[in-house]
Amino acid sequence: MKKLSLFLALLCTNFVFAQQKNVVLFLVDDLGYYDLSLHNSSLYETPNIDQLARDGIDFRNAYVAHPRCLPSRYGLQTGRHPARAGIPAKNSNTIKGKKFYDNEKTIGQAFKEQGYKTFFAGKWHLGETEDEWPENKGYHKSIGSGAAGAPQTYFFPYNEPEDPNKLNDKALIPGLDEGEVGEYLTDRLTDETVKFIKNNRNEQPFFVMLSHYGVHTPFEGKPDYVKKYKEKVKGMTFEGPEYLDIDGATKTHQNNAAYAAMVQSIDESLGKIVETLKAKGVYENTIIVFTSDHGGLSNRAKKNTRTLATSNLPLRGGKGHCLEGGIKVPLVFGGARISSHSENYQVTTNTDLYPTLLSLCNLNLYPDEHLDGIDIKENIVTGETQKRRLFWHSSRARPNSTGDLNCSVIRDGNYKMYHYFDAGIYEVYNLKKDPEEAINIFDPQKERYIKMMRLLNEWKEEVDAS
């Protein structure tokens, strides 16, 4: 009788698992909203991403919590605005070197606690010591995931730059010491993820996060691909100057062949993941989320000569800027059919992924954890939108690098207000009429803007923004 009861219990458990959706969260580093052929780029070729969107949902109003890598990733993992943890600038609540509070539950932990097998591959960038790395923050297994914000090279051996004098200990990638000379990092991380999916038992649902280092610097694409795009660029016609003196200096042309080659490798990576899910028979039961951690690297200080990746035009600004080009990102939901609407205009941000993915998988939410994320499941299913108020706080600007300035920002409906607090300047743009943020309509006497200033200040006090 005991054996029969145990058998029935296991059978019921497997039945429940079979009804639960898997999740693959595919994160790209530094990819701009317009860096896809899906969004009418003439240079970049992204057929697999485009197909995922055609079969699924293309979000047209998706944002991130911050326009730089580490703070944005903190927001995604915790469902909390990075300003709450004093990130990127540290306040009295943060311990030097630590990025998480001891009691914070990551999205990986939330899935792990509810029976999912969790896996993380690639860029983590959160915390300088192993106690804050994926396997200690909710993931059963991780590979290539440490403190590094970028690799020293995209070609194996990854931890040995051609110039030994340029060895950067903070850029060391753990767990990838073995490999073949010339192996490409984007391909290796894809292969490791494919291996996990293939080996996972079908009766246990999985939460996978493939977090690519690409398309972050250094600009290193596969030689054949770089050659291909150099030829393509030669055949393209560009109007106007390559740089404009606005927001530092703004790149206006998408003409970086090495970057385009890196984008192609990212697209092929997604294609391999989709192919693996289909071959295993779990594609229709797997939610695939494709997104970026912030906008493309398109701006630099006027006197800076660094090579830039891309152009985010017609959006203003790029990586590092709270302007639209720095915080608006591609977001595609594919795989499991969760909506009949191919485009979604709900204003959303990456802190929403935490509660929304749990909800789509019919799992328990953790409202005391994902404080700044909301569940937009109903908006996805129905295609309807709700008014959303979003905030940003950037207190460690890099005016001599990416050309951005310290500011706090609120988006309330279609109106977006900037407070450049070092200079005491306010700007307001109506994103519906002026998505390029070209016409500042701020009026200190207008009731709407007085209210927005008050809301912004109240939020900063609530989160203890540093």
Protein backbone atom coordinates (compact mmCIF):
# COMPACT_ATOMS: atom_id res chain seq x y z
CA MET A 1 0.00 0.00 0.00
CA LYS A 2 2.88 2.31 0.90
CA LYS A 3 4.53 1.66 -2.48
CA LEU A 4 1.24 2.39 -4.29
CA SER A 5 0.85 5.70 -2.42
CA LEU A 6 4.42 6.69 -3.27
CA PHE A 7 3.85 5.80 -6.93
CA LEU A 8 0.66 7.87 -7.08
CA ALA A 9 2.41 10.81 -5.41
CA LEU A 10 5.24 10.69 -7.94
CA LEU A 11 2.73 10.36 -10.78
CA CYS A 12 0.85 13.42 -9.57
CA THR A 13 4.08 15.38 -9.18
CA ASN A 14 5.14 14.55 -12.74
CA PHE A 15 1.67 15.46 -14.01
CA VAL A 16 1.89 18.88 -12.34
CA PHE A 17 5.37 19.43 -13.77
CA ALA A 18 4.12 18.46 -17.22
CA GLN A 19 1.55 21.29 -17.05
CA GLN A 20 4.10 23.89 -15.98
CA LYS A 21 5.83 26.00 -18.60
CA ASN A 22 9.59 26.18 -18.96
CA VAL A 23 11.33 29.54 -19.30
CA VAL A 24 14.36 30.61 -21.34
CA LEU A 25 15.43 34.17 -20.60
CA PHE A 26 17.82 35.24 -23.37
CA LEU A 27 19.67 38.44 -22.42
CA VAL A 28 21.96 40.39 -24.76
CA ASP A 29 24.47 42.97 -23.54
CA ASP A 30 24.36 46.52 -25.02
CA LEU A 31 21.90 45.74 -27.84
CA GLY A 32 19.92 48.78 -28.96
CA TYR A 33 16.22 48.88 -29.80
CA TYR A 34 16.95 49.45 -33.50
CA ASP A 35 19.77 46.89 -33.75
CA LEU A 36 17.45 44.31 -35.34
CA SER A 37 16.23 43.82 -38.89
CA LEU A 38 12.88 43.35 -37.12
CA HIS A 39 13.02 47.06 -36.31
CA ASN A 40 14.05 48.10 -39.82
CA SER A 41 17.83 48.09 -39.55
CA SER A 42 19.45 47.94 -42.99
CA LEU A 43 22.74 46.55 -41.66
CA TYR A 44 22.01 43.96 -38.98
CA GLU A 45 20.65 40.54 -39.95
CA THR A 46 18.51 38.88 -37.28
CA PRO A 47 16.20 36.34 -38.97
CA ASN A 48 15.81 34.13 -35.88
CA ILE A 49 14.90 37.02 -33.59
CA ASP A 50 12.51 38.35 -36.23
CA GLN A 51 10.83 34.94 -36.54
CA LEU A 52 10.46 34.63 -32.77
CA ALA A 53 8.67 37.99 -32.76
CA ARG A 54 6.44 37.08 -35.73
CA ASP A 55 5.39 33.90 -33.96
CA GLY A 56 5.12 35.59 -30.57
CA ILE A 57 4.92 39.14 -29.18
CA ASP A 58 7.01 42.20 -29.99
CA PHE A 59 6.88 44.75 -27.15
CA ARG A 60 7.05 48.34 -28.40
CA ASN A 61 7.31 50.14 -25.04
CA ALA A 62 9.84 48.05 -23.10
CA TYR A 63 12.39 49.66 -20.81
CA VAL A 64 15.10 48.72 -18.31
CA ALA A 65 15.65 49.97 -14.77
CA HIS A 66 18.96 51.66 -15.60
CA PRO A 67 21.00 52.47 -18.74
CA ARG A 68 24.10 50.55 -17.59
CA CYS A 69 24.85 46.85 -17.25
CA LEU A 70 25.20 46.14 -13.55
CA PRO A 71 22.26 48.21 -12.24
CA SER A 72 19.96 46.93 -14.98
CA ARG A 73 20.86 43.30 -14.18
CA TYR A 74 20.26 43.92 -10.50
CA GLY A 75 16.77 45.16 -11.37
CA LEU A 76 16.05 42.10 -13.50
CA GLN A 77 17.31 39.61 -10.90
CA THR A 78 15.54 41.19 -7.91
CA GLY A 79 12.50 42.97 -9.33
CA ARG A 80 13.73 46.04 -7.43
CA HIS A 81 14.96 49.38 -8.65
CA PRO A 82 18.77 49.56 -8.30
CA ALA A 83 18.45 52.87 -6.44
CA ARG A 84 17.06 50.90 -3.49
CA ALA A 85 20.45 49.24 -3.10
CA GLY A 86 22.46 52.36 -3.79
CA ILE A 87 23.51 51.05 -7.20
CA PRO A 88 25.50 52.27 -9.08
CA ALA A 89 26.54 54.90 -6.51
CA LYS A 90 26.92 53.36 -3.07
CA ASN A 91 25.15 54.67 0.01
CA SER A 92 25.36 53.75 3.67
CA ASN A 93 23.16 50.68 3.17
CA THR A 94 25.59 48.86 0.89
CA ILE A 95 28.63 46.91 1.94
CA LYS A 96 31.64 47.61 -0.25
CA GLY A 97 31.88 45.03 -3.00
CA LYS A 98 28.44 43.53 -2.33
CA LYS A 99 25.53 44.04 -4.70
CA PHE A 100 22.78 42.11 -2.92
CA TYR A 101 21.30 42.37 0.53
CA ASP A 102 21.55 39.06 2.38
CA ASN A 103 17.78 38.46 2.34
CA GLU A 104 17.10 39.25 -1.31
CA LYS A 105 15.48 36.50 -3.37
CA THR A 106 16.46 36.49 -7.04
CA ILE A 107 14.18 35.42 -9.85
CA GLY A 108 16.25 32.23 -10.08
CA GLN A 109 15.64 31.51 -6.41
CA ALA A 110 11.90 32.11 -6.84
CA PHE A 111 11.73 29.46 -9.59
CA LYS A 112 14.08 27.09 -7.77
CA GLU A 113 11.98 27.15 -4.61
CA GLN A 114 8.92 26.15 -6.64
CA GLY A 115 10.39 23.01 -8.18
CA TYR A 116 12.23 24.32 -11.22
CA LYS A 117 15.70 23.27 -12.34
CA THR A 118 17.60 26.52 -12.73
CA PHE A 119 20.60 27.24 -14.97
CA PHE A 120 22.63 30.38 -15.70
CA ALA A 121 25.22 30.85 -18.45
CA GLY A 122 27.26 33.93 -19.26
CA LYS A 123 27.53 37.44 -17.88
CA TRP A 124 26.49 37.85 -14.24
CA HIS A 125 28.46 40.97 -13.23
CA LEU A 126 26.81 41.15 -9.79
CA GLY A 127 29.17 40.93 -6.85
CA GLU A 128 32.92 40.53 -6.60
CA THR A 129 32.96 37.25 -4.64
CA GLU A 130 31.51 33.78 -5.20
CA ASP A 131 28.90 34.11 -2.44
CA GLU A 132 27.06 36.53 -4.74
CA TRP A 133 27.43 34.54 -7.94
CA PRO A 134 24.60 32.52 -9.56
CA GLU A 135 25.10 29.17 -7.80
CA ASN A 136 24.69 30.97 -4.48
CA LYS A 137 21.82 33.12 -5.70
CA GLY A 138 19.22 30.63 -6.85
CA TYR A 139 20.75 28.70 -9.74
CA HIS A 140 21.49 24.98 -9.53
CA LYS A 141 24.28 25.38 -12.06
CA SER A 142 26.12 28.22 -13.77
CA ILE A 143 28.98 28.54 -16.21
CA GLY A 144 31.10 31.50 -17.27
CA SER A 145 29.40 33.67 -14.65
CA GLY A 146 31.43 35.82 -12.28
CA ALA A 147 32.24 39.47 -11.65
CA ALA A 148 33.37 40.22 -15.22
CA GLY A 149 31.50 42.91 -17.10
CA ALA A 150 33.13 41.98 -20.41
CA PRO A 151 35.54 39.34 -21.68
CA GLN A 152 39.16 40.12 -22.42
CA THR A 153 38.59 38.45 -25.78
CA TYR A 154 35.74 36.58 -27.48
CA PHE A 155 38.12 33.91 -28.77
CA PHE A 156 39.46 31.04 -26.65
CA PRO A 157 41.46 31.18 -24.44
CA TYR A 158 39.13 33.84 -23.03
CA ASN A 159 41.27 34.76 -20.03
CA GLU A 160 44.49 35.31 -21.97
CA PRO A 161 44.53 38.57 -23.94
CA GLU A 162 46.99 38.87 -26.83
CA ASP A 163 48.81 41.58 -24.88
CA PRO A 164 49.67 40.18 -21.39
CA ASN A 165 50.06 43.75 -20.13
CA LYS A 166 46.32 44.21 -20.64
CA LEU A 167 45.35 41.30 -18.37
CA ASN A 168 42.43 42.43 -16.21
CA ASP A 169 41.74 40.27 -13.14
CA LYS A 170 38.18 41.65 -12.92
CA ALA A 171 37.48 40.38 -16.44
CA LEU A 172 38.30 36.74 -15.70
CA ILE A 173 35.52 34.34 -16.76
CA PRO A 174 35.25 31.29 -14.46
CA GLY A 175 34.53 27.76 -15.65
CA LEU A 176 35.68 28.12 -19.25
CA ASP A 177 39.36 27.23 -18.86
CA GLU A 178 39.03 24.29 -21.23
CA GLY A 179 38.17 24.69 -24.88
CA GLU A 180 39.52 24.76 -28.40
CA VAL A 181 41.74 27.57 -29.63
CA GLY A 182 39.67 29.98 -31.69
CA GLU A 183 36.35 28.87 -30.15
CA TYR A 184 33.93 31.83 -30.05
CA LEU A 185 32.47 32.80 -26.67
CA THR A 186 28.91 33.36 -27.91
CA ASP A 187 28.92 29.87 -29.45
CA ARG A 188 30.41 28.27 -26.33
CA LEU A 189 27.76 29.72 -24.02
CA THR A 190 25.08 28.60 -26.47
CA ASP A 191 26.48 25.06 -26.56
CA GLU A 192 26.56 24.88 -22.75
CA THR A 193 22.92 25.98 -22.61
CA VAL A 194 21.92 23.48 -25.31
CA LYS A 195 23.63 20.75 -23.32
CA PHE A 196 21.66 21.65 -20.19
CA ILE A 197 18.32 21.67 -22.03
CA LYS A 198 19.03 18.34 -23.72
CA ASN A 199 20.08 16.66 -20.48
CA ASN A 200 17.22 18.01 -18.36
CA ARG A 201 14.52 15.46 -17.64
CA ASN A 202 11.22 16.39 -19.29
CA GLU A 203 9.28 15.78 -16.09
CA GLN A 204 10.98 18.71 -14.34
CA PRO A 205 10.38 22.23 -15.63
CA PHE A 206 13.39 24.49 -16.09
CA PHE A 207 14.27 28.15 -15.79
CA VAL A 208 17.26 28.97 -18.00
CA MET A 209 19.01 32.30 -18.28
CA LEU A 210 21.44 32.65 -21.18
CA SER A 211 23.12 35.98 -20.53
CA HIS A 212 25.51 36.74 -23.37
CA TYR A 213 28.61 38.93 -23.07
CA GLY A 214 27.96 39.91 -26.67
CA VAL A 215 27.48 42.48 -28.06
CA HIS A 216 29.54 44.36 -25.47
CA THR A 217 33.07 45.51 -26.26
CA PRO A 218 35.65 44.42 -27.33
CA PHE A 219 34.29 44.49 -30.88
CA GLU A 220 35.32 41.02 -32.06
CA GLY A 221 33.22 39.14 -34.57
CA LYS A 222 34.05 35.97 -36.48
CA PRO A 223 36.45 36.94 -39.27
CA ASP A 224 34.23 35.69 -42.11
CA TYR A 225 31.27 37.61 -40.71
CA VAL A 226 33.30 40.79 -40.25
CA LYS A 227 34.46 40.54 -43.86
CA LYS A 228 30.87 40.06 -45.00
CA TYR A 229 29.65 43.18 -43.21
CA LYS A 230 32.57 45.30 -44.33
CA GLU A 231 31.47 44.59 -47.89
CA LYS A 232 27.86 45.31 -46.97
CA VAL A 233 28.76 48.66 -45.41
CA LYS A 234 30.68 49.62 -48.57
CA GLY A 235 27.48 49.22 -50.55
CA MET A 236 25.35 51.33 -48.20
CA THR A 237 24.57 55.03 -48.50
CA PHE A 238 24.52 57.18 -45.37
CA GLU A 239 23.04 60.65 -45.13
CA GLY A 240 24.54 63.49 -43.11
CA PRO A 241 27.58 63.52 -40.79
CA GLU A 242 28.54 60.39 -38.85
CA TYR A 243 28.41 62.28 -35.53
CA LEU A 244 26.19 65.04 -34.13
CA ASP A 245 27.22 67.32 -31.26
CA ILE A 246 24.32 66.42 -28.99
CA ASP A 247 24.32 64.48 -25.71
CA GLY A 248 28.08 64.44 -25.95
CA ALA A 249 28.62 63.16 -29.49
CA THR A 250 25.93 60.98 -31.06
CA LYS A 251 26.72 58.36 -33.71
CA THR A 252 24.21 58.60 -36.56
CA HIS A 253 25.26 55.66 -38.78
CA GLN A 254 24.96 51.91 -38.26
CA ASN A 255 28.25 51.03 -39.96
CA ASN A 256 30.39 49.03 -37.49
CA ALA A 257 31.09 45.74 -39.31
CA ALA A 258 32.58 43.95 -36.30
CA TYR A 259 29.54 44.85 -34.20
CA ALA A 260 27.20 43.66 -36.95
CA ALA A 261 29.09 40.34 -37.02
CA MET A 262 28.57 40.00 -33.27
CA VAL A 263 24.84 40.66 -33.67
CA GLN A 264 24.64 37.87 -36.26
CA SER A 265 26.28 35.42 -33.83
CA ILE A 266 23.74 36.39 -31.15
CA ASP A 267 20.92 35.75 -33.62
CA GLU A 268 22.35 32.35 -34.51
CA SER A 269 22.57 31.54 -30.81
CA LEU A 270 18.85 32.14 -30.39
CA GLY A 271 18.20 30.00 -33.47
CA LYS A 272 20.11 27.07 -31.90
CA ILE A 273 18.15 27.40 -28.66
CA VAL A 274 14.83 27.35 -30.53
CA GLU A 275 15.98 24.39 -32.63
CA THR A 276 16.96 22.47 -29.47
CA LEU A 277 13.63 23.14 -27.77
CA LYS A 278 11.74 21.95 -30.85
CA ALA A 279 13.87 18.81 -31.19
CA LYS A 280 13.22 17.97 -27.54
CA GLY A 281 9.48 18.53 -28.01
CA VAL A 282 9.18 21.31 -25.42
CA TYR A 283 9.11 24.44 -27.59
CA GLU A 284 5.34 24.87 -27.34
CA ASN A 285 5.59 24.62 -23.55
CA THR A 286 8.53 27.01 -23.15
CA ILE A 287 8.30 30.78 -22.76
CA ILE A 288 11.26 32.40 -24.51
CA VAL A 289 12.08 35.98 -23.56
CA PHE A 290 14.54 37.88 -25.73
CA THR A 291 15.77 41.27 -24.49
CA SER A 292 18.74 43.55 -23.82
CA ASP A 293 20.10 45.07 -20.60
CA HIS A 294 20.01 48.65 -22.00
CA GLY A 295 20.40 50.68 -25.19
CA GLY A 296 23.24 50.49 -27.68
CA LEU A 297 26.61 52.18 -27.24
CA SER A 298 26.00 55.19 -29.48
CA ASN A 299 27.35 58.20 -27.55
CA ARG A 300 30.69 59.48 -26.32
CA ALA A 301 32.12 62.67 -24.85
CA LYS A 302 32.88 65.27 -27.51
CA LYS A 303 36.63 65.00 -26.99
CA ASN A 304 36.55 61.20 -26.67
CA THR A 305 37.65 59.18 -29.70
CA ARG A 306 36.46 55.71 -28.60
CA THR A 307 34.90 53.50 -31.27
CA LEU A 308 31.13 53.32 -30.92
CA ALA A 309 28.94 50.34 -31.69
CA THR A 310 25.79 51.60 -33.31
CA SER A 311 23.22 54.35 -33.78
CA ASN A 312 19.97 54.45 -31.82
CA LEU A 313 18.36 57.14 -33.98
CA PRO A 314 15.67 58.34 -34.07
CA LEU A 315 15.90 57.82 -30.29
CA ARG A 316 18.12 60.25 -28.37
CA GLY A 317 21.12 59.04 -26.40
CA GLY A 318 22.39 55.55 -25.77
CA LYS A 319 24.13 53.43 -23.15
CA GLY A 320 24.59 55.47 -19.97
CA HIS A 321 21.82 57.97 -20.83
CA CYS A 322 18.32 57.98 -19.33
CA LEU A 323 17.17 59.34 -22.68
CA GLU A 324 15.07 56.89 -24.71
CA GLY A 325 18.07 55.49 -26.60
CA GLY A 326 19.66 54.37 -23.33
CA ILE A 327 16.69 52.73 -21.64
CA LYS A 328 14.30 51.54 -24.37
CA VAL A 329 15.10 47.98 -25.44
CA PRO A 330 13.85 45.16 -27.65
CA LEU A 331 11.63 42.71 -25.79
CA VAL A 332 10.16 39.64 -27.48
CA PHE A 333 8.11 36.85 -25.93
CA GLY A 334 8.01 33.67 -28.00
CA GLY A 335 7.71 29.91 -27.74
CA ALA A 336 4.64 29.03 -25.68
CA ARG A 337 1.60 30.78 -27.11
CA ILE A 338 0.48 33.16 -24.37
CA SER A 339 -1.36 35.77 -26.45
CA SER A 340 -3.00 36.20 -29.85
CA HIS A 341 -1.60 39.73 -30.12
CA SER A 342 1.63 39.99 -32.10
CA GLU A 343 2.45 43.51 -30.87
CA ASN A 344 2.15 44.80 -27.32
CA TYR A 345 2.17 48.47 -26.36
CA GLN A 346 2.09 48.12 -22.58
CA VAL A 347 4.75 50.29 -20.93
CA THR A 348 6.91 47.81 -19.06
CA THR A 349 10.36 47.54 -17.54
CA ASN A 350 12.72 44.66 -16.77
CA THR A 351 11.77 44.60 -13.07
CA ASP A 352 8.38 43.32 -14.34
CA LEU A 353 9.89 40.12 -15.72
CA TYR A 354 10.20 38.60 -12.23
CA PRO A 355 6.49 38.64 -11.26
CA THR A 356 5.20 38.30 -14.84
CA LEU A 357 7.12 35.10 -15.62
CA LEU A 358 6.10 33.55 -12.30
CA SER A 359 2.48 34.45 -13.08
CA LEU A 360 2.64 33.06 -16.63
CA CYS A 361 3.93 29.79 -15.14
CA ASN A 362 1.09 29.77 -12.56
CA LEU A 363 3.56 30.02 -9.68
CA ASN A 364 3.40 31.99 -6.46
CA LEU A 365 4.48 35.61 -6.59
CA TYR A 366 6.71 37.26 -3.97
CA PRO A 367 5.35 40.82 -3.62
CA ASP A 368 7.72 41.59 -0.72
CA GLU A 369 10.64 40.79 -3.03
CA HIS A 370 9.87 42.25 -6.47
CA LEU A 371 8.88 45.61 -5.01
CA ASP A 372 9.20 47.57 -8.24
CA GLY A 373 7.96 44.95 -10.69
CA ILE A 374 4.33 44.43 -11.59
CA ASP A 375 2.63 41.41 -13.14
CA ILE A 376 1.57 42.31 -16.69
CA LYS A 377 0.22 38.85 -17.54
CA GLU A 378 -3.29 40.16 -18.18
CA ASN A 379 -1.96 42.93 -20.43
CA ILE A 380 -0.06 40.31 -22.43
CA VAL A 381 -3.05 37.97 -22.74
CA THR A 382 -5.63 40.64 -23.63
CA GLY A 383 -3.41 43.11 -25.47
CA GLU A 384 -4.90 45.94 -23.42
CA THR A 385 -2.68 48.53 -21.75
CA GLN A 386 -2.73 50.20 -18.36
CA LYS A 387 -1.17 53.53 -17.41
CA ARG A 388 2.28 53.03 -15.93
CA ARG A 389 4.53 55.30 -13.94
CA LEU A 390 8.28 54.58 -14.17
CA PHE A 391 11.33 56.11 -12.49
CA TRP A 392 15.07 56.19 -13.18
CA HIS A 393 17.94 57.50 -11.09
CA SER A 394 21.46 57.88 -12.46
CA SER A 395 23.93 59.27 -9.93
CA ARG A 396 27.23 58.08 -11.34
CA ALA A 397 27.33 59.68 -14.77
CA ARG A 398 30.27 59.34 -17.14
CA PRO A 399 30.38 62.67 -19.00
CA ASN A 400 33.94 62.03 -20.19
CA SER A 401 33.09 58.56 -21.50
CA THR A 402 29.52 58.15 -22.73
CA GLY A 403 28.63 61.83 -22.40
CA ASP A 404 25.72 61.38 -19.97
CA LEU A 405 24.86 63.57 -16.94
CA ASN A 406 23.51 62.83 -13.47
CA CYS A 407 19.73 62.92 -13.44
CA SER A 408 16.50 61.56 -12.00
CA VAL A 409 13.60 60.79 -14.33
CA ILE A 410 9.90 60.05 -14.18
CA ARG A 411 7.67 58.78 -16.98
CA ASP A 412 4.00 59.38 -16.16
CA GLY A 413 1.74 58.30 -19.00
CA ASN A 414 3.18 59.86 -22.16
CA TYR A 415 5.08 62.58 -20.29
CA LYS A 416 8.71 62.17 -19.30
CA MET A 417 10.46 64.59 -16.94
CA TYR A 418 14.22 64.89 -16.35
CA HIS A 419 15.78 66.54 -13.33
CA TYR A 420 19.47 67.20 -13.98
CA PHE A 421 20.05 67.77 -10.28
CA ASP A 422 23.69 68.91 -10.46
CA ALA A 423 22.61 71.89 -12.55
CA GLY A 424 19.09 72.23 -11.14
CA ILE A 425 17.53 71.91 -14.62
CA TYR A 426 14.20 70.29 -15.54
CA GLU A 427 13.13 69.07 -18.97
CA VAL A 428 9.83 67.52 -20.08
CA TYR A 429 8.93 65.70 -23.31
CA ASN A 430 5.64 64.32 -24.61
CA LEU A 431 6.74 60.91 -25.93
CA LYS A 432 3.55 60.38 -27.92
CA LYS A 433 4.02 63.57 -29.93
CA ASP A 434 7.80 63.77 -29.62
CA PRO A 435 9.43 60.31 -29.28
CA GLU A 436 12.76 61.86 -30.37
CA GLU A 437 12.73 64.09 -27.24
CA ALA A 438 13.51 67.15 -29.33
CA ILE A 439 11.12 69.76 -27.84
CA ASN A 440 11.42 70.60 -24.14
CA ILE A 441 7.95 71.67 -22.95
CA PHE A 442 8.72 72.15 -19.25
CA ASP A 443 6.75 74.95 -17.60
CA PRO A 444 7.39 75.39 -13.84
CA GLN A 445 3.91 76.92 -13.41
CA LYS A 446 1.96 74.09 -15.01
CA GLU A 447 0.07 71.88 -12.58
CA ARG A 448 0.96 68.63 -14.39
CA TYR A 449 4.68 69.30 -14.09
CA ILE A 450 4.45 70.47 -10.47
CA LYS A 451 2.80 67.15 -9.67
CA MET A 452 5.49 65.21 -11.57
CA MET A 453 8.24 67.01 -9.64
CA ARG A 454 6.52 66.10 -6.37
CA LEU A 455 6.10 62.44 -7.40
CA LEU A 456 9.74 62.21 -8.44
CA ASN A 457 10.97 63.64 -5.14
CA GLU A 458 8.65 61.39 -3.12
CA TRP A 459 9.93 58.32 -4.98
CA LYS A 460 13.55 59.29 -4.38
CA GLU A 461 12.84 59.61 -0.65
CA GLU A 462 11.01 56.27 -0.61
CA VAL A 463 13.87 54.32 -2.18
CA ASP A 464 16.60 56.38 -0.45
CA ALA A 465 18.18 57.27 -3.79
CA SER A 466 21.83 58.16 -3.25
